[in-house]
Amino acid sequence: MAKDYIEWHLPQHSSNFDITAFKEDTVRNMPDSNFKRAICYTLYYRFTDSTNQVQQKRTSVLFTLDGQSIITAMNQP
């Protein structure tokens, strides 16, 4: 689901999308009291942009504890 989220948000005309690393953590101190704990997947990925340059990026995606719903996602350089 996190990989799909990233693919949906890639720039137009991107190609060669690939996950290069993956990390999973449990977030215990959520600012929103509706979510006592969340699962954070951090994905490191690369893709080729429309100018044929390889871009390396990182995205963290927060999921509900059951892993079925995305709470939020944060793209990082």
N, C-alpha and C. Protein backbone atom coordinates (compact mmCIF):
# COMPACT_ATOMS: atom_id res chain seq x y z
N MET A 1 0.82 -1.18 0.00
CA MET A 1 0.00 0.00 0.00
C MET A 1 0.87 1.26 0.00
N ALA A 2 1.99 1.26 0.77
CA ALA A 2 2.88 2.42 0.80
C ALA A 2 3.56 2.61 -0.56
N LYS A 3 3.95 1.51 -1.18
CA LYS A 3 4.59 1.60 -2.50
C LYS A 3 3.61 2.18 -3.51
N ASP A 4 2.36 1.74 -3.46
CA ASP A 4 1.34 2.28 -4.36
C ASP A 4 1.16 3.78 -4.15
N TYR A 5 1.16 4.21 -2.88
CA TYR A 5 1.00 5.62 -2.56
C TYR A 5 2.11 6.44 -3.23
N ILE A 6 3.35 5.95 -3.11
CA ILE A 6 4.49 6.67 -3.70
C ILE A 6 4.35 6.72 -5.22
N GLU A 7 4.02 5.57 -5.83
CA GLU A 7 3.87 5.54 -7.30
C GLU A 7 2.82 6.51 -7.78
N TRP A 8 1.72 6.64 -7.05
CA TRP A 8 0.65 7.56 -7.44
C TRP A 8 1.11 9.00 -7.41
N HIS A 9 2.11 9.32 -6.56
CA HIS A 9 2.55 10.70 -6.39
C HIS A 9 3.87 11.03 -7.10
N LEU A 10 4.35 10.14 -7.94
CA LEU A 10 5.54 10.44 -8.72
C LEU A 10 5.23 11.51 -9.77
N PRO A 11 6.23 12.31 -10.13
CA PRO A 11 6.00 13.30 -11.19
C PRO A 11 5.60 12.62 -12.49
N GLN A 12 4.86 13.35 -13.30
CA GLN A 12 4.41 12.84 -14.59
C GLN A 12 5.62 12.47 -15.44
N HIS A 13 5.51 11.41 -16.20
CA HIS A 13 6.54 10.91 -17.11
C HIS A 13 7.76 10.33 -16.39
N SER A 14 7.59 9.90 -15.14
CA SER A 14 8.67 9.23 -14.42
C SER A 14 8.75 7.77 -14.87
N SER A 15 9.94 7.19 -14.74
CA SER A 15 10.11 5.79 -15.11
C SER A 15 11.12 5.14 -14.17
N ASN A 16 11.29 3.83 -14.30
CA ASN A 16 12.27 3.06 -13.55
C ASN A 16 12.13 3.19 -12.04
N PHE A 17 10.90 3.24 -11.54
CA PHE A 17 10.65 3.35 -10.11
C PHE A 17 11.12 2.08 -9.40
N ASP A 18 11.87 2.24 -8.29
CA ASP A 18 12.37 1.09 -7.55
C ASP A 18 12.55 1.45 -6.09
N ILE A 19 12.07 0.59 -5.18
CA ILE A 19 12.30 0.74 -3.75
C ILE A 19 13.71 0.22 -3.47
N THR A 20 14.55 1.03 -2.83
CA THR A 20 15.93 0.61 -2.58
C THR A 20 16.16 0.18 -1.14
N ALA A 21 15.32 0.64 -0.20
CA ALA A 21 15.43 0.24 1.20
C ALA A 21 14.09 0.48 1.89
N PHE A 22 13.91 -0.19 3.03
CA PHE A 22 12.63 -0.15 3.72
C PHE A 22 12.90 -0.27 5.22
N LYS A 23 12.17 0.51 6.02
CA LYS A 23 12.31 0.44 7.47
C LYS A 23 10.92 0.54 8.10
N GLU A 24 10.67 -0.22 9.15
CA GLU A 24 9.38 -0.19 9.84
C GLU A 24 9.61 0.14 11.31
N ASP A 25 8.80 1.07 11.83
CA ASP A 25 8.86 1.46 13.24
C ASP A 25 7.45 1.60 13.78
N THR A 26 7.32 1.47 15.10
CA THR A 26 6.06 1.76 15.76
C THR A 26 6.19 3.11 16.44
N VAL A 27 5.27 4.01 16.15
CA VAL A 27 5.27 5.34 16.74
C VAL A 27 4.35 5.29 17.96
N ARG A 28 4.91 5.53 19.12
CA ARG A 28 4.13 5.42 20.35
C ARG A 28 3.60 6.77 20.84
N ASN A 29 4.21 7.87 20.45
CA ASN A 29 3.81 9.19 20.92
C ASN A 29 3.16 9.98 19.79
N MET A 30 1.93 9.65 19.49
CA MET A 30 1.21 10.35 18.44
C MET A 30 0.56 11.61 19.01
N PRO A 31 0.69 12.75 18.33
CA PRO A 31 0.05 13.98 18.81
C PRO A 31 -1.47 13.90 18.78
N ASP A 32 -2.03 13.12 17.87
CA ASP A 32 -3.47 12.96 17.76
C ASP A 32 -3.90 11.81 18.67
N SER A 33 -4.72 12.11 19.65
CA SER A 33 -5.12 11.10 20.64
C SER A 33 -6.02 10.01 20.04
N ASN A 34 -6.51 10.19 18.82
CA ASN A 34 -7.32 9.15 18.18
C ASN A 34 -6.47 7.94 17.77
N PHE A 35 -5.18 8.16 17.63
CA PHE A 35 -4.28 7.09 17.22
C PHE A 35 -3.25 6.88 18.33
N LYS A 36 -3.45 5.84 19.13
CA LYS A 36 -2.55 5.58 20.26
C LYS A 36 -1.17 5.16 19.77
N ARG A 37 -1.13 4.31 18.79
CA ARG A 37 0.13 3.88 18.18
C ARG A 37 -0.10 3.81 16.68
N ALA A 38 0.95 4.02 15.97
CA ALA A 38 0.87 3.93 14.51
C ALA A 38 2.10 3.18 14.02
N ILE A 39 2.00 2.67 12.82
CA ILE A 39 3.13 2.01 12.19
C ILE A 39 3.69 2.98 11.15
N CYS A 40 4.99 3.19 11.19
CA CYS A 40 5.65 4.09 10.24
C CYS A 40 6.54 3.27 9.32
N TYR A 41 6.23 3.32 8.04
CA TYR A 41 7.08 2.69 7.03
C TYR A 41 7.88 3.81 6.36
N THR A 42 9.18 3.68 6.36
CA THR A 42 10.05 4.62 5.65
C THR A 42 10.60 3.88 4.45
N LEU A 43 10.32 4.42 3.28
CA LEU A 43 10.77 3.80 2.04
C LEU A 43 11.75 4.73 1.34
N TYR A 44 12.87 4.18 0.96
CA TYR A 44 13.87 4.88 0.17
C TYR A 44 13.69 4.37 -1.26
N TYR A 45 13.60 5.29 -2.20
CA TYR A 45 13.32 4.87 -3.57
C TYR A 45 14.03 5.76 -4.56
N ARG A 46 14.05 5.31 -5.79
CA ARG A 46 14.62 6.10 -6.86
C ARG A 46 13.74 5.95 -8.10
N PHE A 47 13.84 6.94 -8.95
CA PHE A 47 13.13 6.92 -10.22
C PHE A 47 13.86 7.83 -11.18
N THR A 48 13.57 7.69 -12.44
CA THR A 48 14.13 8.55 -13.47
C THR A 48 13.07 9.58 -13.84
N ASP A 49 13.43 10.86 -13.74
CA ASP A 49 12.44 11.90 -14.03
C ASP A 49 12.37 12.16 -15.54
N SER A 50 11.54 13.11 -15.92
CA SER A 50 11.29 13.38 -17.34
C SER A 50 12.50 13.95 -18.06
N THR A 51 13.50 14.45 -17.30
CA THR A 51 14.73 14.96 -17.93
C THR A 51 15.83 13.90 -17.95
N ASN A 52 15.44 12.66 -17.63
CA ASN A 52 16.34 11.50 -17.64
C ASN A 52 17.36 11.53 -16.50
N GLN A 53 17.07 12.26 -15.42
CA GLN A 53 17.92 12.32 -14.24
C GLN A 53 17.39 11.34 -13.20
N VAL A 54 18.29 10.59 -12.55
CA VAL A 54 17.88 9.67 -11.49
C VAL A 54 17.69 10.48 -10.20
N GLN A 55 16.54 10.34 -9.62
CA GLN A 55 16.19 11.02 -8.37
C GLN A 55 16.16 10.00 -7.24
N GLN A 56 16.77 10.31 -6.11
CA GLN A 56 16.74 9.46 -4.92
C GLN A 56 15.90 10.19 -3.88
N LYS A 57 14.89 9.54 -3.35
CA LYS A 57 13.97 10.17 -2.41
C LYS A 57 13.67 9.25 -1.24
N ARG A 58 13.00 9.82 -0.24
CA ARG A 58 12.57 9.06 0.93
C ARG A 58 11.17 9.54 1.32
N THR A 59 10.31 8.61 1.66
CA THR A 59 8.96 8.93 2.11
C THR A 59 8.65 8.11 3.35
N SER A 60 8.04 8.75 4.33
CA SER A 60 7.54 8.05 5.51
C SER A 60 6.03 8.04 5.44
N VAL A 61 5.45 6.86 5.61
CA VAL A 61 4.00 6.69 5.55
C VAL A 61 3.53 6.15 6.89
N LEU A 62 2.60 6.86 7.54
CA LEU A 62 2.04 6.42 8.81
C LEU A 62 0.75 5.66 8.56
N PHE A 63 0.67 4.47 9.13
CA PHE A 63 -0.50 3.62 9.03
C PHE A 63 -1.15 3.46 10.39
N THR A 64 -2.44 3.16 10.40
CA THR A 64 -3.09 2.75 11.64
C THR A 64 -2.46 1.46 12.10
N LEU A 65 -2.63 1.12 13.37
CA LEU A 65 -1.97 -0.04 13.95
C LEU A 65 -2.29 -1.33 13.21
N ASP A 66 -3.50 -1.43 12.64
CA ASP A 66 -3.86 -2.64 11.90
C ASP A 66 -3.24 -2.68 10.50
N GLY A 67 -2.60 -1.57 10.08
CA GLY A 67 -1.93 -1.53 8.78
C GLY A 67 -2.85 -1.40 7.59
N GLN A 68 -4.13 -1.12 7.84
CA GLN A 68 -5.10 -1.09 6.75
C GLN A 68 -5.39 0.31 6.20
N SER A 69 -5.03 1.36 6.96
CA SER A 69 -5.37 2.72 6.52
C SER A 69 -4.17 3.64 6.68
N ILE A 70 -3.97 4.49 5.69
CA ILE A 70 -2.90 5.49 5.76
C ILE A 70 -3.41 6.69 6.55
N ILE A 71 -2.63 7.10 7.56
CA ILE A 71 -2.95 8.30 8.33
C ILE A 71 -2.41 9.52 7.61
N THR A 72 -1.14 9.48 7.25
CA THR A 72 -0.50 10.58 6.53
C THR A 72 0.79 10.07 5.89
N ALA A 73 1.34 10.87 5.02
CA ALA A 73 2.64 10.55 4.39
C ALA A 73 3.46 11.82 4.31
N MET A 74 4.77 11.67 4.47
CA MET A 74 5.67 12.81 4.44
C MET A 74 6.80 12.52 3.46
N ASN A 75 6.90 13.33 2.42
CA ASN A 75 8.00 13.19 1.47
C ASN A 75 9.19 13.98 1.99
N GLN A 76 10.36 13.41 1.87
CA GLN A 76 11.58 14.05 2.31
C GLN A 76 12.58 14.03 1.17
N PRO A 77 13.46 15.03 1.14
CA PRO A 77 14.43 15.07 0.03
C PRO A 77 15.38 13.90 0.04
